[in-house]
Protein backbone atom coordinates (compact mmCIF):
# COMPACT_ATOMS: atom_id res chain seq x y z
CA MET A 1 0.29 -0.25 0.01
CA PRO A 2 1.61 3.52 -0.50
CA GLU A 3 2.71 5.57 1.91
CA HIS A 4 2.64 8.68 2.86
CA PRO A 5 6.18 11.36 3.44
CA GLN A 6 7.22 11.44 7.56
CA THR A 7 9.66 14.02 6.42
CA SER A 8 10.13 17.53 5.41
CA ARG A 9 12.68 16.45 3.08
CA GLY A 10 10.33 13.37 1.77
CA ALA A 11 7.56 15.73 1.11
CA ALA A 12 9.72 17.57 -1.19
CA THR A 13 10.64 14.37 -2.85
CA TYR A 14 6.29 13.66 -3.13
CA ARG A 15 6.20 17.42 -4.91
CA ARG A 16 8.93 16.85 -7.31
CA ILE A 17 7.15 13.27 -8.24
CA LEU A 18 4.12 14.98 -8.81
CA ASP A 19 4.83 17.82 -10.74
CA ALA A 20 7.47 15.92 -12.86
CA ALA A 21 4.39 13.92 -13.66
CA THR A 22 1.77 16.47 -14.01
CA GLU A 23 4.56 17.56 -17.22
CA GLU A 24 5.58 14.27 -18.73
CA PHE A 25 1.75 12.86 -18.28
CA ALA A 26 -0.03 15.87 -20.06
CA GLN A 27 3.05 15.82 -22.77
CA HIS A 28 2.67 12.07 -23.15
CA GLY A 29 -0.24 10.67 -21.97
CA ILE A 30 -0.70 7.77 -19.91
CA ALA A 31 0.44 4.90 -22.02
CA GLY A 32 3.28 6.85 -23.41
CA ALA A 33 4.60 7.98 -19.76
CA ARG A 34 7.72 6.73 -18.47
CA VAL A 35 8.60 6.45 -15.26
CA GLU A 36 12.44 6.72 -16.02
CA ARG A 37 11.50 10.40 -17.31
CA ILE A 38 9.63 11.36 -14.43
CA VAL A 39 12.02 9.97 -11.55
CA THR A 40 15.34 11.81 -13.57
CA ALA A 41 13.28 14.93 -13.09
CA ALA A 42 12.28 14.58 -9.84
CA ARG A 43 15.38 13.60 -8.87
CA THR A 44 14.88 10.44 -7.34
CA ASN A 45 14.10 6.77 -7.93
CA LYS A 46 12.06 3.99 -8.64
CA ALA A 47 11.31 2.76 -5.33
CA GLN A 48 10.31 6.25 -3.67
CA LEU A 49 7.99 6.75 -6.51
CA TYR A 50 6.37 3.15 -6.02
CA ALA A 51 6.38 3.51 -1.89
CA TYR A 52 4.44 7.11 -2.40
CA PHE A 53 1.96 6.02 -5.60
CA GLY A 54 2.15 2.03 -6.19
CA ASP A 55 2.59 2.36 -9.76
CA LYS A 56 2.29 4.46 -12.79
CA GLU A 57 -1.67 4.05 -13.19
CA ARG A 58 -2.20 5.08 -9.68
CA LEU A 59 0.70 8.04 -10.18
CA PHE A 60 -1.63 9.31 -12.43
CA ASP A 61 -5.11 9.10 -10.57
CA ALA A 62 -3.00 10.92 -8.35
CA ILE A 63 -2.49 13.96 -10.52
CA PHE A 64 -5.66 14.04 -12.19
CA LEU A 65 -7.63 14.34 -8.85
CA SER A 66 -5.00 16.66 -7.93
CA SER A 67 -5.97 18.80 -10.61
CA LEU A 68 -9.46 18.38 -10.13
CA GLU A 69 -9.48 19.73 -6.67
CA ARG A 70 -7.17 22.79 -8.32
CA ILE A 71 -10.30 23.80 -10.53
CA THR A 72 -12.57 23.36 -7.34
CA ASN A 73 -10.42 25.50 -4.96
CA VAL A 74 -8.80 27.89 -7.30
CA VAL A 75 -11.98 28.36 -9.79
CA PRO A 76 -15.09 28.31 -7.24
CA ILE A 77 -18.04 28.33 -8.93
CA ASP A 78 -20.18 31.58 -8.46
CA ALA A 79 -23.63 30.72 -9.60
CA ASP A 80 -25.32 33.74 -9.56
CA ASP A 81 -22.38 35.31 -11.85
CA LEU A 82 -21.72 32.23 -14.51
CA ALA A 83 -20.24 34.10 -17.03
CA ASP A 84 -17.54 35.55 -14.46
CA TRP A 85 -16.76 32.03 -13.85
CA ALA A 86 -16.24 30.93 -17.44
CA VAL A 87 -14.09 33.39 -17.63
CA ARG A 88 -12.02 32.81 -14.18
CA LEU A 89 -12.12 29.36 -16.04
CA TYR A 90 -10.58 30.27 -19.03
CA ASP A 91 -7.46 32.47 -17.47
CA GLU A 92 -6.74 29.17 -15.63
CA TYR A 93 -6.95 27.14 -18.42
CA LEU A 94 -3.86 30.15 -19.67
CA ARG A 95 -2.19 29.83 -16.34
CA ARG A 96 -2.24 25.24 -16.60
CA PRO A 97 -3.31 24.23 -20.12
CA ASP A 98 -2.00 20.84 -18.64
CA LEU A 99 -4.90 20.28 -16.38
CA ILE A 100 -6.88 20.23 -19.22
CA ARG A 101 -4.32 18.15 -21.29
CA LEU A 102 -4.96 15.30 -18.35
CA ALA A 103 -8.55 15.48 -18.79
CA THR A 104 -7.85 15.11 -22.67
CA TRP A 105 -5.86 12.14 -21.71
CA THR A 106 -8.13 10.27 -19.13
CA ARG A 107 -11.08 10.28 -21.86
CA LEU A 108 -8.76 8.95 -24.84
CA GLU A 109 -6.88 6.62 -22.37
CA ARG A 110 -9.63 5.29 -20.09
CA ARG A 111 -13.35 6.72 -20.60
CA SER A 112 -14.39 7.82 -24.20
CA ALA A 113 -18.50 8.57 -22.86
CA GLY A 114 -19.47 9.16 -19.34
CA HIS A 115 -18.41 10.76 -16.38
CA LEU A 116 -14.08 10.71 -16.37
CA VAL A 117 -14.28 9.93 -12.13
CA GLU A 118 -15.99 7.27 -9.96
CA SER A 119 -15.78 10.33 -7.65
CA HIS A 120 -16.98 12.86 -10.00
CA ARG A 121 -20.64 13.67 -6.98
CA HIS A 122 -17.28 14.93 -4.96
CA TYR A 123 -16.35 17.90 -7.34
CA ASP A 124 -19.75 18.44 -8.45
CA ASP A 125 -22.58 18.16 -6.30
CA LEU A 126 -21.52 21.97 -4.88
CA LYS A 127 -21.50 23.54 -8.27
CA LEU A 128 -25.34 21.61 -8.70
CA THR A 129 -26.19 23.05 -6.22
CA ALA A 130 -25.07 26.27 -6.37
CA ILE A 131 -26.63 26.16 -9.74
CA ALA A 132 -30.27 24.84 -8.84
CA GLU A 133 -30.34 27.30 -6.03
CA ALA A 134 -30.05 29.82 -8.74
CA GLN A 135 -32.88 28.39 -10.96
CA ALA A 136 -35.27 28.41 -8.05
CA ALA A 137 -34.66 31.89 -7.27
CA GLY A 138 -34.86 32.81 -11.35
CA ARG A 139 -31.39 33.74 -11.95
CA VAL A 140 -30.35 31.05 -14.18
CA ARG A 141 -32.68 29.35 -16.93
CA ALA A 142 -34.39 26.46 -16.25
CA GLY A 143 -32.72 22.88 -17.11
CA ASP A 144 -30.65 20.06 -15.79
CA PRO A 145 -28.34 21.51 -13.38
CA PHE A 146 -25.49 19.35 -15.08
CA ASP A 147 -26.27 19.88 -18.14
CA ILE A 148 -25.67 23.98 -17.32
CA MET A 149 -22.58 23.15 -15.65
CA ALA A 150 -21.43 21.25 -18.37
CA MET A 151 -21.92 24.07 -21.47
CA VAL A 152 -21.23 26.89 -19.08
CA ILE A 153 -17.67 24.81 -18.74
CA ALA A 154 -17.24 23.33 -22.68
CA MET A 155 -17.72 27.30 -23.41
CA SER A 156 -14.56 28.62 -21.15
CA MET A 157 -12.95 26.13 -22.87
CA ALA A 158 -13.63 27.45 -26.89
CA TRP A 159 -10.19 28.70 -26.97
CA SER A 160 -8.21 26.07 -24.76
CA PRO A 161 -6.10 23.14 -25.77
CA VAL A 162 -9.31 20.71 -26.25
CA SER A 163 -10.17 23.41 -29.31
CA ASN A 164 -10.32 22.05 -32.63
CA VAL A 165 -9.99 25.35 -34.04
CA TYR A 166 -7.15 27.34 -32.04
CA ALA A 167 -5.50 26.86 -28.70
CA ALA A 168 -4.75 30.07 -27.00
CA SER A 169 -1.63 30.78 -24.96
CA GLY A 170 -0.40 32.83 -22.27
CA GLN A 171 2.00 34.34 -24.74
CA GLU A 172 -0.35 36.16 -26.55
CA PRO A 173 -1.48 39.84 -26.49
CA GLU A 174 -3.58 40.92 -23.68
CA ASP A 175 -5.71 42.47 -25.91
CA ALA A 176 -6.73 39.07 -27.79
CA HIS A 177 -7.67 37.38 -24.07
CA GLU A 178 -9.76 40.71 -23.06
CA ARG A 179 -11.37 40.66 -26.52
CA ARG A 180 -12.59 36.44 -26.26
CA ARG A 181 -12.98 36.95 -22.30
CA ALA A 182 -15.90 39.75 -23.02
CA LEU A 183 -17.29 37.68 -25.86
CA LEU A 184 -17.53 34.72 -23.48
CA ARG A 185 -18.66 36.44 -21.11
CA ASP A 186 -22.20 38.10 -23.20
CA CYS A 187 -22.45 34.78 -24.87
CA VAL A 188 -22.52 33.03 -21.14
CA ARG A 189 -25.13 35.50 -19.83
CA ARG A 190 -27.11 35.10 -23.00
CA ALA A 191 -26.98 31.38 -22.49
CA ILE A 192 -28.06 31.07 -18.93
CA ALA A 193 -30.41 34.02 -18.73
CA THR A 194 -33.64 33.22 -17.57
CA GLY A 195 -36.03 32.88 -20.82
CA GLY A 196 -33.13 32.83 -22.94
CA ASP A 197 -32.86 36.50 -23.41
CA ALA A 198 -29.73 38.23 -22.83
CA PRO A 199 -30.34 40.83 -19.47
CA ALA A 200 -30.20 44.28 -20.24
């Protein structure tokens, strides 16, 4: 059974493994990732990696679940302003494109349909409750809260690494990002407004 680091030195090694593995999995996927490259980048050895994570599959699980936690905690939902939430998600994808790549590899190599993880309720329930409450108060259009959430997230990803037309980067001019943020904000507001009408 994987162990947790007991010392500050062990915790630092654990963190280096996670960082190196995140980059490796984001670039090469689950099947293409190599433990040798991960331990070299993390300045450790296979024995330490396996002691902390068990095997490559469980290492990927730890990284992917950590990425979901990051999105939930760093970009918390505001059901009273889903347009702002979409823009904040757009900005997070610019900062961390690896988060989207990890989800893409999960879809390609593990689950081609349905929820990406068994524990999806842990990540979704708070968002769905917030959307349902906003719907009950008349601030968000009627519909399945999950579908509303999925649509807003998909719109926020329009220029992310999962786009089939263009992937944005943080190196682009700020005015390009501002233009996209304004369009995204307006489109989300129109899409989720009660009655399907854009707010005044």
